[in-house]
Amino acid sequence: MSTGNVLFPGGSELDQLQSIYRVLGTPTEEVWPGVTRRKMWNEDAPKLPPQNLASIVPSLGDEGIDLLAKMLTYDPAKRISAKVVLQHPYFVGLEHGSRGT
């Protein structure tokens, strides 16, 4: 939203997953325990490495990239909660209009 572009474009479910994998990397058991047992898992999906989020959305800055990475964590048990998101340093000063997004 901060760039005005879609981070994970896709015209179908498969396109969407491939778009996510191109940015976040193909999930593995190490980053998301149990992923290979999920219904959507495709053993034949290309094994892609994660990209550097700062190179994809450089306008976010260090705090924004940290927040985005925590929000885009595959494993729901490790993903940042909405309550904690609101306490993230990225939003410090937001109530005073200091963010230009």
PDB file of N, CA and C in Angstrom:
ATOM      1  N   MET A   1       0.817  -1.187   0.000  1.00  0.00           N
ATOM      2  CA  MET A   1       0.000   0.000   0.000  1.00  0.00           C
ATOM      3  C   MET A   1       0.866   1.258   0.000  1.00  0.00           C
ATOM      4  N   SER A   2       2.008   1.176   0.634  1.00  0.00           N
ATOM      5  CA  SER A   2       2.843   2.366   0.728  1.00  0.00           C
ATOM      6  C   SER A   2       3.431   2.777  -0.619  1.00  0.00           C
ATOM      7  N   THR A   3       3.533   1.834  -1.546  1.00  0.00           N
ATOM      8  CA  THR A   3       4.105   2.151  -2.857  1.00  0.00           C
ATOM      9  C   THR A   3       3.040   2.368  -3.921  1.00  0.00           C
ATOM     10  N   GLY A   4       1.807   1.986  -3.627  1.00  0.00           N
ATOM     11  CA  GLY A   4       0.744   2.083  -4.609  1.00  0.00           C
ATOM     12  C   GLY A   4       0.741   0.930  -5.589  1.00  0.00           C
ATOM     13  N   ASN A   5       1.595  -0.068  -5.370  1.00  0.00           N
ATOM     14  CA  ASN A   5       1.665  -1.244  -6.232  1.00  0.00           C
ATOM     15  C   ASN A   5       1.293  -2.494  -5.437  1.00  0.00           C
ATOM     16  N   VAL A   6       0.804  -3.486  -6.157  1.00  0.00           N
ATOM     17  CA  VAL A   6       0.463  -4.763  -5.544  1.00  0.00           C
ATOM     18  C   VAL A   6       1.762  -5.526  -5.285  1.00  0.00           C
ATOM     19  N   LEU A   7       1.947  -5.988  -4.076  1.00  0.00           N
ATOM     20  CA  LEU A   7       3.159  -6.718  -3.732  1.00  0.00           C
ATOM     21  C   LEU A   7       3.145  -8.136  -4.298  1.00  0.00           C
ATOM     22  N   PHE A   8       1.968  -8.760  -4.299  1.00  0.00           N
ATOM     23  CA  PHE A   8       1.832 -10.135  -4.778  1.00  0.00           C
ATOM     24  C   PHE A   8       0.749 -10.222  -5.848  1.00  0.00           C
ATOM     25  N   PRO A   9       1.027  -9.757  -7.067  1.00  0.00           N
ATOM     26  CA  PRO A   9      -0.001  -9.831  -8.108  1.00  0.00           C
ATOM     27  C   PRO A   9      -0.229 -11.275  -8.556  1.00  0.00           C
ATOM     28  N   GLY A  10      -1.465 -11.573  -8.927  1.00  0.00           N
ATOM     29  CA  GLY A  10      -1.777 -12.910  -9.425  1.00  0.00           C
ATOM     30  C   GLY A  10      -3.196 -12.955  -9.945  1.00  0.00           C
ATOM     31  N   GLY A  11      -3.375 -13.608 -11.075  1.00  0.00           N
ATOM     32  CA  GLY A  11      -4.692 -13.710 -11.675  1.00  0.00           C
ATOM     33  C   GLY A  11      -5.426 -14.980 -11.292  1.00  0.00           C
ATOM     34  N   SER A  12      -4.727 -15.882 -10.622  1.00  0.00           N
ATOM     35  CA  SER A  12      -5.332 -17.132 -10.168  1.00  0.00           C
ATOM     36  C   SER A  12      -4.655 -17.529  -8.862  1.00  0.00           C
ATOM     37  N   GLU A  13      -5.178 -18.567  -8.241  1.00  0.00           N
ATOM     38  CA  GLU A  13      -4.581 -19.038  -6.994  1.00  0.00           C
ATOM     39  C   GLU A  13      -3.128 -19.448  -7.209  1.00  0.00           C
ATOM     40  N   LEU A  14      -2.862 -20.144  -8.296  1.00  0.00           N
ATOM     41  CA  LEU A  14      -1.503 -20.575  -8.602  1.00  0.00           C
ATOM     42  C   LEU A  14      -0.589 -19.383  -8.875  1.00  0.00           C
ATOM     43  N   ASP A  15      -1.073 -18.412  -9.656  1.00  0.00           N
ATOM     44  CA  ASP A  15      -0.290 -17.190  -9.906  1.00  0.00           C
ATOM     45  C   ASP A  15       0.030 -16.471  -8.600  1.00  0.00           C
ATOM     46  N   GLN A  16      -0.961 -16.405  -7.721  1.00  0.00           N
ATOM     47  CA  GLN A  16      -0.794 -15.726  -6.440  1.00  0.00           C
ATOM     48  C   GLN A  16       0.288 -16.408  -5.604  1.00  0.00           C
ATOM     49  N   LEU A  17       0.230 -17.723  -5.512  1.00  0.00           N
ATOM     50  CA  LEU A  17       1.238 -18.459  -4.746  1.00  0.00           C
ATOM     51  C   LEU A  17       2.630 -18.274  -5.343  1.00  0.00           C
ATOM     52  N   GLN A  18       2.728 -18.328  -6.658  1.00  0.00           N
ATOM     53  CA  GLN A  18       4.026 -18.151  -7.299  1.00  0.00           C
ATOM     54  C   GLN A  18       4.575 -16.752  -7.047  1.00  0.00           C
ATOM     55  N   SER A  19       3.700 -15.759  -7.036  1.00  0.00           N
ATOM     56  CA  SER A  19       4.117 -14.391  -6.752  1.00  0.00           C
ATOM     57  C   SER A  19       4.641 -14.267  -5.315  1.00  0.00           C
ATOM     58  N   ILE A  20       3.948 -14.900  -4.401  1.00  0.00           N
ATOM     59  CA  ILE A  20       4.391 -14.896  -2.995  1.00  0.00           C
ATOM     60  C   ILE A  20       5.733 -15.603  -2.866  1.00  0.00           C
ATOM     61  N   TYR A  21       5.866 -16.754  -3.511  1.00  0.00           N
ATOM     62  CA  TYR A  21       7.111 -17.512  -3.440  1.00  0.00           C
ATOM     63  C   TYR A  21       8.276 -16.729  -4.031  1.00  0.00           C
ATOM     64  N   ARG A  22       8.023 -15.954  -5.095  1.00  0.00           N
ATOM     65  CA  ARG A  22       9.102 -15.171  -5.714  1.00  0.00           C
ATOM     66  C   ARG A  22       9.648 -14.111  -4.749  1.00  0.00           C
ATOM     67  N   VAL A  23       8.810 -13.610  -3.871  1.00  0.00           N
ATOM     68  CA  VAL A  23       9.252 -12.585  -2.916  1.00  0.00           C
ATOM     69  C   VAL A  23       9.721 -13.211  -1.602  1.00  0.00           C
ATOM     70  N   LEU A  24       8.892 -14.048  -1.006  1.00  0.00           N
ATOM     71  CA  LEU A  24       9.198 -14.601   0.319  1.00  0.00           C
ATOM     72  C   LEU A  24      10.005 -15.886   0.272  1.00  0.00           C
ATOM     73  N   GLY A  25      10.168 -16.442  -0.926  1.00  0.00           N
ATOM     74  CA  GLY A  25      10.814 -17.735  -1.058  1.00  0.00           C
ATOM     75  C   GLY A  25       9.791 -18.836  -0.881  1.00  0.00           C
ATOM     76  N   THR A  26      10.081 -19.995  -1.411  1.00  0.00           N
ATOM     77  CA  THR A  26       9.196 -21.137  -1.233  1.00  0.00           C
ATOM     78  C   THR A  26       9.281 -21.567   0.224  1.00  0.00           C
ATOM     79  N   PRO A  27       8.138 -21.724   0.889  1.00  0.00           N
ATOM     80  CA  PRO A  27       8.206 -22.106   2.309  1.00  0.00           C
ATOM     81  C   PRO A  27       8.799 -23.499   2.480  1.00  0.00           C
ATOM     82  N   THR A  28       9.480 -23.668   3.587  1.00  0.00           N
ATOM     83  CA  THR A  28      10.089 -24.951   3.936  1.00  0.00           C
ATOM     84  C   THR A  28       9.620 -25.353   5.332  1.00  0.00           C
ATOM     85  N   GLU A  29       9.898 -26.569   5.700  1.00  0.00           N
ATOM     86  CA  GLU A  29       9.571 -27.034   7.049  1.00  0.00           C
ATOM     87  C   GLU A  29      10.315 -26.220   8.106  1.00  0.00           C
ATOM     88  N   GLU A  30      11.470 -25.674   7.749  1.00  0.00           N
ATOM     89  CA  GLU A  30      12.247 -24.879   8.712  1.00  0.00           C
ATOM     90  C   GLU A  30      11.550 -23.550   9.024  1.00  0.00           C
ATOM     91  N   VAL A  31      10.951 -22.916   8.028  1.00  0.00           N
ATOM     92  CA  VAL A  31      10.316 -21.614   8.266  1.00  0.00           C
ATOM     93  C   VAL A  31       8.836 -21.751   8.610  1.00  0.00           C
ATOM     94  N   TRP A  32       8.219 -22.886   8.246  1.00  0.00           N
ATOM     95  CA  TRP A  32       6.802 -23.109   8.534  1.00  0.00           C
ATOM     96  C   TRP A  32       6.583 -24.593   8.784  1.00  0.00           C
ATOM     97  N   PRO A  33       6.815 -25.046  10.021  1.00  0.00           N
ATOM     98  CA  PRO A  33       6.639 -26.461  10.334  1.00  0.00           C
ATOM     99  C   PRO A  33       5.241 -26.946   9.939  1.00  0.00           C
ATOM    100  N   GLY A  34       5.208 -28.061   9.223  1.00  0.00           N
ATOM    101  CA  GLY A  34       3.942 -28.642   8.796  1.00  0.00           C
ATOM    102  C   GLY A  34       3.482 -28.204   7.420  1.00  0.00           C
ATOM    103  N   VAL A  35       4.190 -27.288   6.784  1.00  0.00           N
ATOM    104  CA  VAL A  35       3.742 -26.757   5.492  1.00  0.00           C
ATOM    105  C   VAL A  35       3.623 -27.848   4.431  1.00  0.00           C
ATOM    106  N   THR A  36       4.494 -28.831   4.465  1.00  0.00           N
ATOM    107  CA  THR A  36       4.455 -29.864   3.426  1.00  0.00           C
ATOM    108  C   THR A  36       3.278 -30.826   3.611  1.00  0.00           C
ATOM    109  N   ARG A  37       2.578 -30.728   4.730  1.00  0.00           N
ATOM    110  CA  ARG A  37       1.390 -31.549   4.959  1.00  0.00           C
ATOM    111  C   ARG A  37       0.097 -30.781   4.685  1.00  0.00           C
ATOM    112  N   ARG A  38       0.223 -29.527   4.309  1.00  0.00           N
ATOM    113  CA  ARG A  38      -0.964 -28.703   4.047  1.00  0.00           C
ATOM    114  C   ARG A  38      -1.563 -29.045   2.689  1.00  0.00           C
ATOM    115  N   LYS A  39      -2.868 -28.854   2.567  1.00  0.00           N
ATOM    116  CA  LYS A  39      -3.598 -29.181   1.346  1.00  0.00           C
ATOM    117  C   LYS A  39      -3.037 -28.443   0.134  1.00  0.00           C
ATOM    118  N   MET A  40      -2.641 -27.209   0.290  1.00  0.00           N
ATOM    119  CA  MET A  40      -2.166 -26.401  -0.830  1.00  0.00           C
ATOM    120  C   MET A  40      -0.733 -26.725  -1.246  1.00  0.00           C
ATOM    121  N   TRP A  41      -0.037 -27.571  -0.491  1.00  0.00           N
ATOM    122  CA  TRP A  41       1.371 -27.842  -0.772  1.00  0.00           C
ATOM    123  C   TRP A  41       1.535 -28.558  -2.102  1.00  0.00           C
ATOM    124  N   ASN A  42       2.501 -28.096  -2.874  1.00  0.00           N
ATOM    125  CA  ASN A  42       2.818 -28.712  -4.164  1.00  0.00           C
ATOM    126  C   ASN A  42       4.304 -29.061  -4.152  1.00  0.00           C
ATOM    127  N   GLU A  43       4.595 -30.319  -4.069  1.00  0.00           N
ATOM    128  CA  GLU A  43       5.984 -30.788  -4.005  1.00  0.00           C
ATOM    129  C   GLU A  43       6.791 -30.357  -5.224  1.00  0.00           C
ATOM    130  N   ASP A  44       6.098 -30.140  -6.343  1.00  0.00           N
ATOM    131  CA  ASP A  44       6.774 -29.773  -7.589  1.00  0.00           C
ATOM    132  C   ASP A  44       6.986 -28.261  -7.748  1.00  0.00           C
ATOM    133  N   ALA A  45       6.532 -27.472  -6.792  1.00  0.00           N
ATOM    134  CA  ALA A  45       6.715 -26.012  -6.880  1.00  0.00           C
ATOM    135  C   ALA A  45       8.205 -25.691  -6.902  1.00  0.00           C
ATOM    136  N   PRO A  46       8.596 -24.691  -7.689  1.00  0.00           N
ATOM    137  CA  PRO A  46      10.018 -24.323  -7.720  1.00  0.00           C
ATOM    138  C   PRO A  46      10.488 -23.894  -6.332  1.00  0.00           C
ATOM    139  N   LYS A  47      11.679 -24.284  -5.979  1.00  0.00           N
ATOM    140  CA  LYS A  47      12.266 -23.936  -4.677  1.00  0.00           C
ATOM    141  C   LYS A  47      13.008 -22.611  -4.832  1.00  0.00           C
ATOM    142  N   LEU A  48      12.332 -21.526  -4.495  1.00  0.00           N
ATOM    143  CA  LEU A  48      12.885 -20.183  -4.676  1.00  0.00           C
ATOM    144  C   LEU A  48      13.401 -19.622  -3.357  1.00  0.00           C
ATOM    145  N   PRO A  49      14.511 -18.888  -3.380  1.00  0.00           N
ATOM    146  CA  PRO A  49      15.024 -18.270  -2.152  1.00  0.00           C
ATOM    147  C   PRO A  49      14.258 -16.977  -1.863  1.00  0.00           C
ATOM    148  N   PRO A  50      14.221 -16.562  -0.603  1.00  0.00           N
ATOM    149  CA  PRO A  50      13.571 -15.286  -0.286  1.00  0.00           C
ATOM    150  C   PRO A  50      14.378 -14.111  -0.834  1.00  0.00           C
ATOM    151  N   GLN A  51      13.663 -13.061  -1.219  1.00  0.00           N
ATOM    152  CA  GLN A  51      14.296 -11.845  -1.717  1.00  0.00           C
ATOM    153  C   GLN A  51      14.496 -10.866  -0.558  1.00  0.00           C
ATOM    154  N   ASN A  52      15.359  -9.918  -0.763  1.00  0.00           N
ATOM    155  CA  ASN A  52      15.573  -8.855   0.213  1.00  0.00           C
ATOM    156  C   ASN A  52      14.414  -7.865   0.074  1.00  0.00           C
ATOM    157  N   LEU A  53      13.579  -7.772   1.105  1.00  0.00           N
ATOM    158  CA  LEU A  53      12.413  -6.884   1.038  1.00  0.00           C
ATOM    159  C   LEU A  53      12.808  -5.428   0.818  1.00  0.00           C
ATOM    160  N   ALA A  54      13.958  -5.027   1.323  1.00  0.00           N
ATOM    161  CA  ALA A  54      14.402  -3.636   1.152  1.00  0.00           C
ATOM    162  C   ALA A  54      14.621  -3.300  -0.319  1.00  0.00           C
ATOM    163  N   SER A  55      14.969  -4.289  -1.134  1.00  0.00           N
ATOM    164  CA  SER A  55      15.158  -4.019  -2.556  1.00  0.00           C
ATOM    165  C   SER A  55      13.821  -3.965  -3.295  1.00  0.00           C
ATOM    166  N   ILE A  56      12.781  -4.528  -2.701  1.00  0.00           N
ATOM    167  CA  ILE A  56      11.464  -4.545  -3.328  1.00  0.00           C
ATOM    168  C   ILE A  56      10.654  -3.309  -2.943  1.00  0.00           C
ATOM    169  N   VAL A  57      10.746  -2.884  -1.698  1.00  0.00           N
ATOM    170  CA  VAL A  57      10.037  -1.694  -1.216  1.00  0.00           C
ATOM    171  C   VAL A  57      11.003  -0.791  -0.448  1.00  0.00           C
ATOM    172  N   PRO A  58      11.971  -0.199  -1.139  1.00  0.00           N
ATOM    173  CA  PRO A  58      12.998   0.610  -0.464  1.00  0.00           C
ATOM    174  C   PRO A  58      12.440   1.854   0.236  1.00  0.00           C
ATOM    175  N   SER A  59      11.279   2.298  -0.161  1.00  0.00           N
ATOM    176  CA  SER A  59      10.711   3.507   0.448  1.00  0.00           C
ATOM    177  C   SER A  59      10.263   3.300   1.889  1.00  0.00           C
ATOM    178  N   LEU A  60      10.175   2.060   2.346  1.00  0.00           N
ATOM    179  CA  LEU A  60       9.716   1.801   3.711  1.00  0.00           C
ATOM    180  C   LEU A  60      10.759   2.134   4.764  1.00  0.00           C
ATOM    181  N   GLY A  61      12.016   2.098   4.441  1.00  0.00           N
ATOM    182  CA  GLY A  61      13.047   2.327   5.445  1.00  0.00           C
ATOM    183  C   GLY A  61      13.211   1.100   6.329  1.00  0.00           C
ATOM    184  N   ASP A  62      14.176   1.157   7.216  1.00  0.00           N
ATOM    185  CA  ASP A  62      14.506   0.001   8.054  1.00  0.00           C
ATOM    186  C   ASP A  62      13.353  -0.458   8.941  1.00  0.00           C
ATOM    187  N   GLU A  63      12.671   0.479   9.610  1.00  0.00           N
ATOM    188  CA  GLU A  63      11.572   0.094  10.503  1.00  0.00           C
ATOM    189  C   GLU A  63      10.400  -0.475   9.717  1.00  0.00           C
ATOM    190  N   GLY A  64      10.113   0.095   8.559  1.00  0.00           N
ATOM    191  CA  GLY A  64       9.031  -0.410   7.728  1.00  0.00           C
ATOM    192  C   GLY A  64       9.323  -1.799   7.191  1.00  0.00           C
ATOM    193  N   ILE A  65      10.564  -2.028   6.801  1.00  0.00           N
ATOM    194  CA  ILE A  65      10.964  -3.351   6.311  1.00  0.00           C
ATOM    195  C   ILE A  65      10.873  -4.372   7.438  1.00  0.00           C
ATOM    196  N   ASP A  66      11.304  -4.007   8.631  1.00  0.00           N
ATOM    197  CA  ASP A  66      11.206  -4.911   9.778  1.00  0.00           C
ATOM    198  C   ASP A  66       9.751  -5.285  10.035  1.00  0.00           C
ATOM    199  N   LEU A  67       8.870  -4.302  10.024  1.00  0.00           N
ATOM    200  CA  LEU A  67       7.454  -4.554  10.250  1.00  0.00           C
ATOM    201  C   LEU A  67       6.870  -5.432   9.140  1.00  0.00           C
ATOM    202  N   LEU A  68       7.158  -5.111   7.891  1.00  0.00           N
ATOM    203  CA  LEU A  68       6.644  -5.894   6.772  1.00  0.00           C
ATOM    204  C   LEU A  68       7.097  -7.351   6.875  1.00  0.00           C
ATOM    205  N   ALA A  69       8.363  -7.570   7.186  1.00  0.00           N
ATOM    206  CA  ALA A  69       8.885  -8.932   7.317  1.00  0.00           C
ATOM    207  C   ALA A  69       8.147  -9.688   8.416  1.00  0.00           C
ATOM    208  N   LYS A  70       7.864  -9.029   9.517  1.00  0.00           N
ATOM    209  CA  LYS A  70       7.156  -9.682  10.619  1.00  0.00           C
ATOM    210  C   LYS A  70       5.701  -9.973  10.254  1.00  0.00           C
ATOM    211  N   MET A  71       5.111  -9.143   9.413  1.00  0.00           N
ATOM    212  CA  MET A  71       3.734  -9.358   8.972  1.00  0.00           C
ATOM    213  C   MET A  71       3.637 -10.449   7.911  1.00  0.00           C
ATOM    214  N   LEU A  72       4.706 -10.644   7.136  1.00  0.00           N
ATOM    215  CA  LEU A  72       4.701 -11.613   6.046  1.00  0.00           C
ATOM    216  C   LEU A  72       5.367 -12.936   6.408  1.00  0.00           C
ATOM    217  N   THR A  73       5.484 -13.214   7.684  1.00  0.00           N
ATOM    218  CA  THR A  73       6.050 -14.475   8.150  1.00  0.00           C
ATOM    219  C   THR A  73       5.090 -15.616   7.818  1.00  0.00           C
ATOM    220  N   TYR A  74       5.582 -16.643   7.170  1.00  0.00           N
ATOM    221  CA  TYR A  74       4.735 -17.768   6.778  1.00  0.00           C
ATOM    222  C   TYR A  74       4.045 -18.440   7.965  1.00  0.00           C
ATOM    223  N   ASP A  75       4.805 -18.764   8.987  1.00  0.00           N
ATOM    224  CA  ASP A  75       4.275 -19.517  10.132  1.00  0.00           C
ATOM    225  C   ASP A  75       3.366 -18.611  10.967  1.00  0.00           C
ATOM    226  N   PRO A  76       2.060 -18.897  10.991  1.00  0.00           N
ATOM    227  CA  PRO A  76       1.140 -18.049  11.753  1.00  0.00           C
ATOM    228  C   PRO A  76       1.502 -17.942  13.233  1.00  0.00           C
ATOM    229  N   ALA A  77       2.111 -18.982  13.781  1.00  0.00           N
ATOM    230  CA  ALA A  77       2.490 -18.961  15.198  1.00  0.00           C
ATOM    231  C   ALA A  77       3.611 -17.958  15.465  1.00  0.00           C
ATOM    232  N   LYS A  78       4.383 -17.615  14.424  1.00  0.00           N
ATOM    233  CA  LYS A  78       5.496 -16.675  14.582  1.00  0.00           C
ATOM    234  C   LYS A  78       5.183 -15.296  14.004  1.00  0.00           C
ATOM    235  N   ARG A  79       4.061 -15.158  13.310  1.00  0.00           N
ATOM    236  CA  ARG A  79       3.686 -13.893  12.684  1.00  0.00           C
ATOM    237  C   ARG A  79       3.275 -12.880  13.754  1.00  0.00           C
ATOM    238  N   ILE A  80       3.600 -11.634  13.551  1.00  0.00           N
ATOM    239  CA  ILE A  80       3.273 -10.561  14.478  1.00  0.00           C
ATOM    240  C   ILE A  80       1.749 -10.378  14.541  1.00  0.00           C
ATOM    241  N   SER A  81       1.235 -10.131  15.724  1.00  0.00           N
ATOM    242  CA  SER A  81      -0.207  -9.923  15.889  1.00  0.00           C
ATOM    243  C   SER A  81      -0.567  -8.467  15.586  1.00  0.00           C
ATOM    244  N   ALA A  82      -1.825  -8.229  15.300  1.00  0.00           N
ATOM    245  CA  ALA A  82      -2.288  -6.868  15.011  1.00  0.00           C
ATOM    246  C   ALA A  82      -2.035  -5.945  16.205  1.00  0.00           C
ATOM    247  N   LYS A  83      -2.223  -6.445  17.399  1.00  0.00           N
ATOM    248  CA  LYS A  83      -2.000  -5.642  18.609  1.00  0.00           C
ATOM    249  C   LYS A  83      -0.534  -5.215  18.710  1.00  0.00           C
ATOM    250  N   VAL A  84       0.373  -6.139  18.427  1.00  0.00           N
ATOM    251  CA  VAL A  84       1.802  -5.831  18.494  1.00  0.00           C
ATOM    252  C   VAL A  84       2.216  -4.938  17.319  1.00  0.00           C
ATOM    253  N   VAL A  85       1.579  -5.116  16.171  1.00  0.00           N
ATOM    254  CA  VAL A  85       1.863  -4.256  15.012  1.00  0.00           C
ATOM    255  C   VAL A  85       1.685  -2.793  15.396  1.00  0.00           C
ATOM    256  N   LEU A  86       0.607  -2.489  16.089  1.00  0.00           N
ATOM    257  CA  LEU A  86       0.314  -1.103  16.450  1.00  0.00           C
ATOM    258  C   LEU A  86       1.328  -0.509  17.420  1.00  0.00           C
ATOM    259  N   GLN A  87       2.105  -1.359  18.068  1.00  0.00           N
ATOM    260  CA  GLN A  87       3.135  -0.896  18.999  1.00  0.00           C
ATOM    261  C   GLN A  87       4.514  -0.849  18.344  1.00  0.00           C
ATOM    262  N   HIS A  88       4.595  -1.234  17.071  1.00  0.00           N
ATOM    263  CA  HIS A  88       5.875  -1.293  16.374  1.00  0.00           C
ATOM    264  C   HIS A  88       6.458   0.114  16.199  1.00  0.00           C
ATOM    265  N   PRO A  89       7.775   0.264  16.275  1.00  0.00           N
ATOM    266  CA  PRO A  89       8.418   1.568  16.108  1.00  0.00           C
ATOM    267  C   PRO A  89       8.074   2.285  14.798  1.00  0.00           C
ATOM    268  N   TYR A  90       7.677   1.548  13.764  1.00  0.00           N
ATOM    269  CA  TYR A  90       7.299   2.172  12.492  1.00  0.00           C
ATOM    270  C   TYR A  90       6.172   3.174  12.689  1.00  0.00           C
ATOM    271  N   PHE A  91       5.292   2.911  13.651  1.00  0.00           N
ATOM    272  CA  PHE A  91       4.135   3.769  13.863  1.00  0.00           C
ATOM    273  C   PHE A  91       4.355   4.867  14.901  1.00  0.00           C
ATOM    274  N   VAL A  92       5.537   4.939  15.486  1.00  0.00           N
ATOM    275  CA  VAL A  92       5.815   5.996  16.453  1.00  0.00           C
ATOM    276  C   VAL A  92       5.655   7.350  15.756  1.00  0.00           C
ATOM    277  N   GLY A  93       4.879   8.212  16.345  1.00  0.00           N
ATOM    278  CA  GLY A  93       4.650   9.534  15.769  1.00  0.00           C
ATOM    279  C   GLY A  93       3.518   9.588  14.760  1.00  0.00           C
ATOM    280  N   LEU A  94       2.911   8.449  14.468  1.00  0.00           N
ATOM    281  CA  LEU A  94       1.843   8.408  13.469  1.00  0.00           C
ATOM    282  C   LEU A  94       0.673   9.303  13.873  1.00  0.00           C
ATOM    283  N   GLU A  95       0.360   9.314  15.144  1.00  0.00           N
ATOM    284  CA  GLU A  95      -0.765  10.126  15.601  1.00  0.00           C
ATOM    285  C   GLU A  95      -0.527  11.613  15.369  1.00  0.00           C
ATOM    286  N   HIS A  96       0.718  11.976  15.086  1.00  0.00           N
ATOM    287  CA  HIS A  96       1.044  13.370  14.815  1.00  0.00           C
ATOM    288  C   HIS A  96       1.255  13.632  13.331  1.00  0.00           C
ATOM    289  N   GLY A  97       0.969  12.636  12.526  1.00  0.00           N
ATOM    290  CA  GLY A  97       1.076  12.811  11.083  1.00  0.00           C
ATOM    291  C   GLY A  97       2.478  12.829  10.548  1.00  0.00           C
ATOM    292  N   SER A  98       3.439  12.176  11.221  1.00  0.00           N
ATOM    293  CA  SER A  98       4.822  12.232  10.768  1.00  0.00           C
ATOM    294  C   SER A  98       5.111  11.291   9.606  1.00  0.00           C
ATOM    295  N   ARG A  99       4.257  10.303   9.356  1.00  0.00           N
ATOM    296  CA  ARG A  99       4.463   9.386   8.220  1.00  0.00           C
ATOM    297  C   ARG A  99       3.784   9.965   6.994  1.00  0.00           C
ATOM    298  N   GLY A 100       4.489   9.910   5.891  1.00  0.00           N
ATOM    299  CA  GLY A 100       3.941  10.453   4.656  1.00  0.00           C
ATOM    300  C   GLY A 100       3.257   9.421   3.798  1.00  0.00           C
ATOM    301  N   THR A 101       2.853   8.280   4.386  1.00  0.00           N
ATOM    302  CA  THR A 101       2.231   7.233   3.584  1.00  0.00           C
ATOM    303  C   THR A 101       0.735   7.291   3.656  1.00  0.00           C
TER     304      THR A 101
END
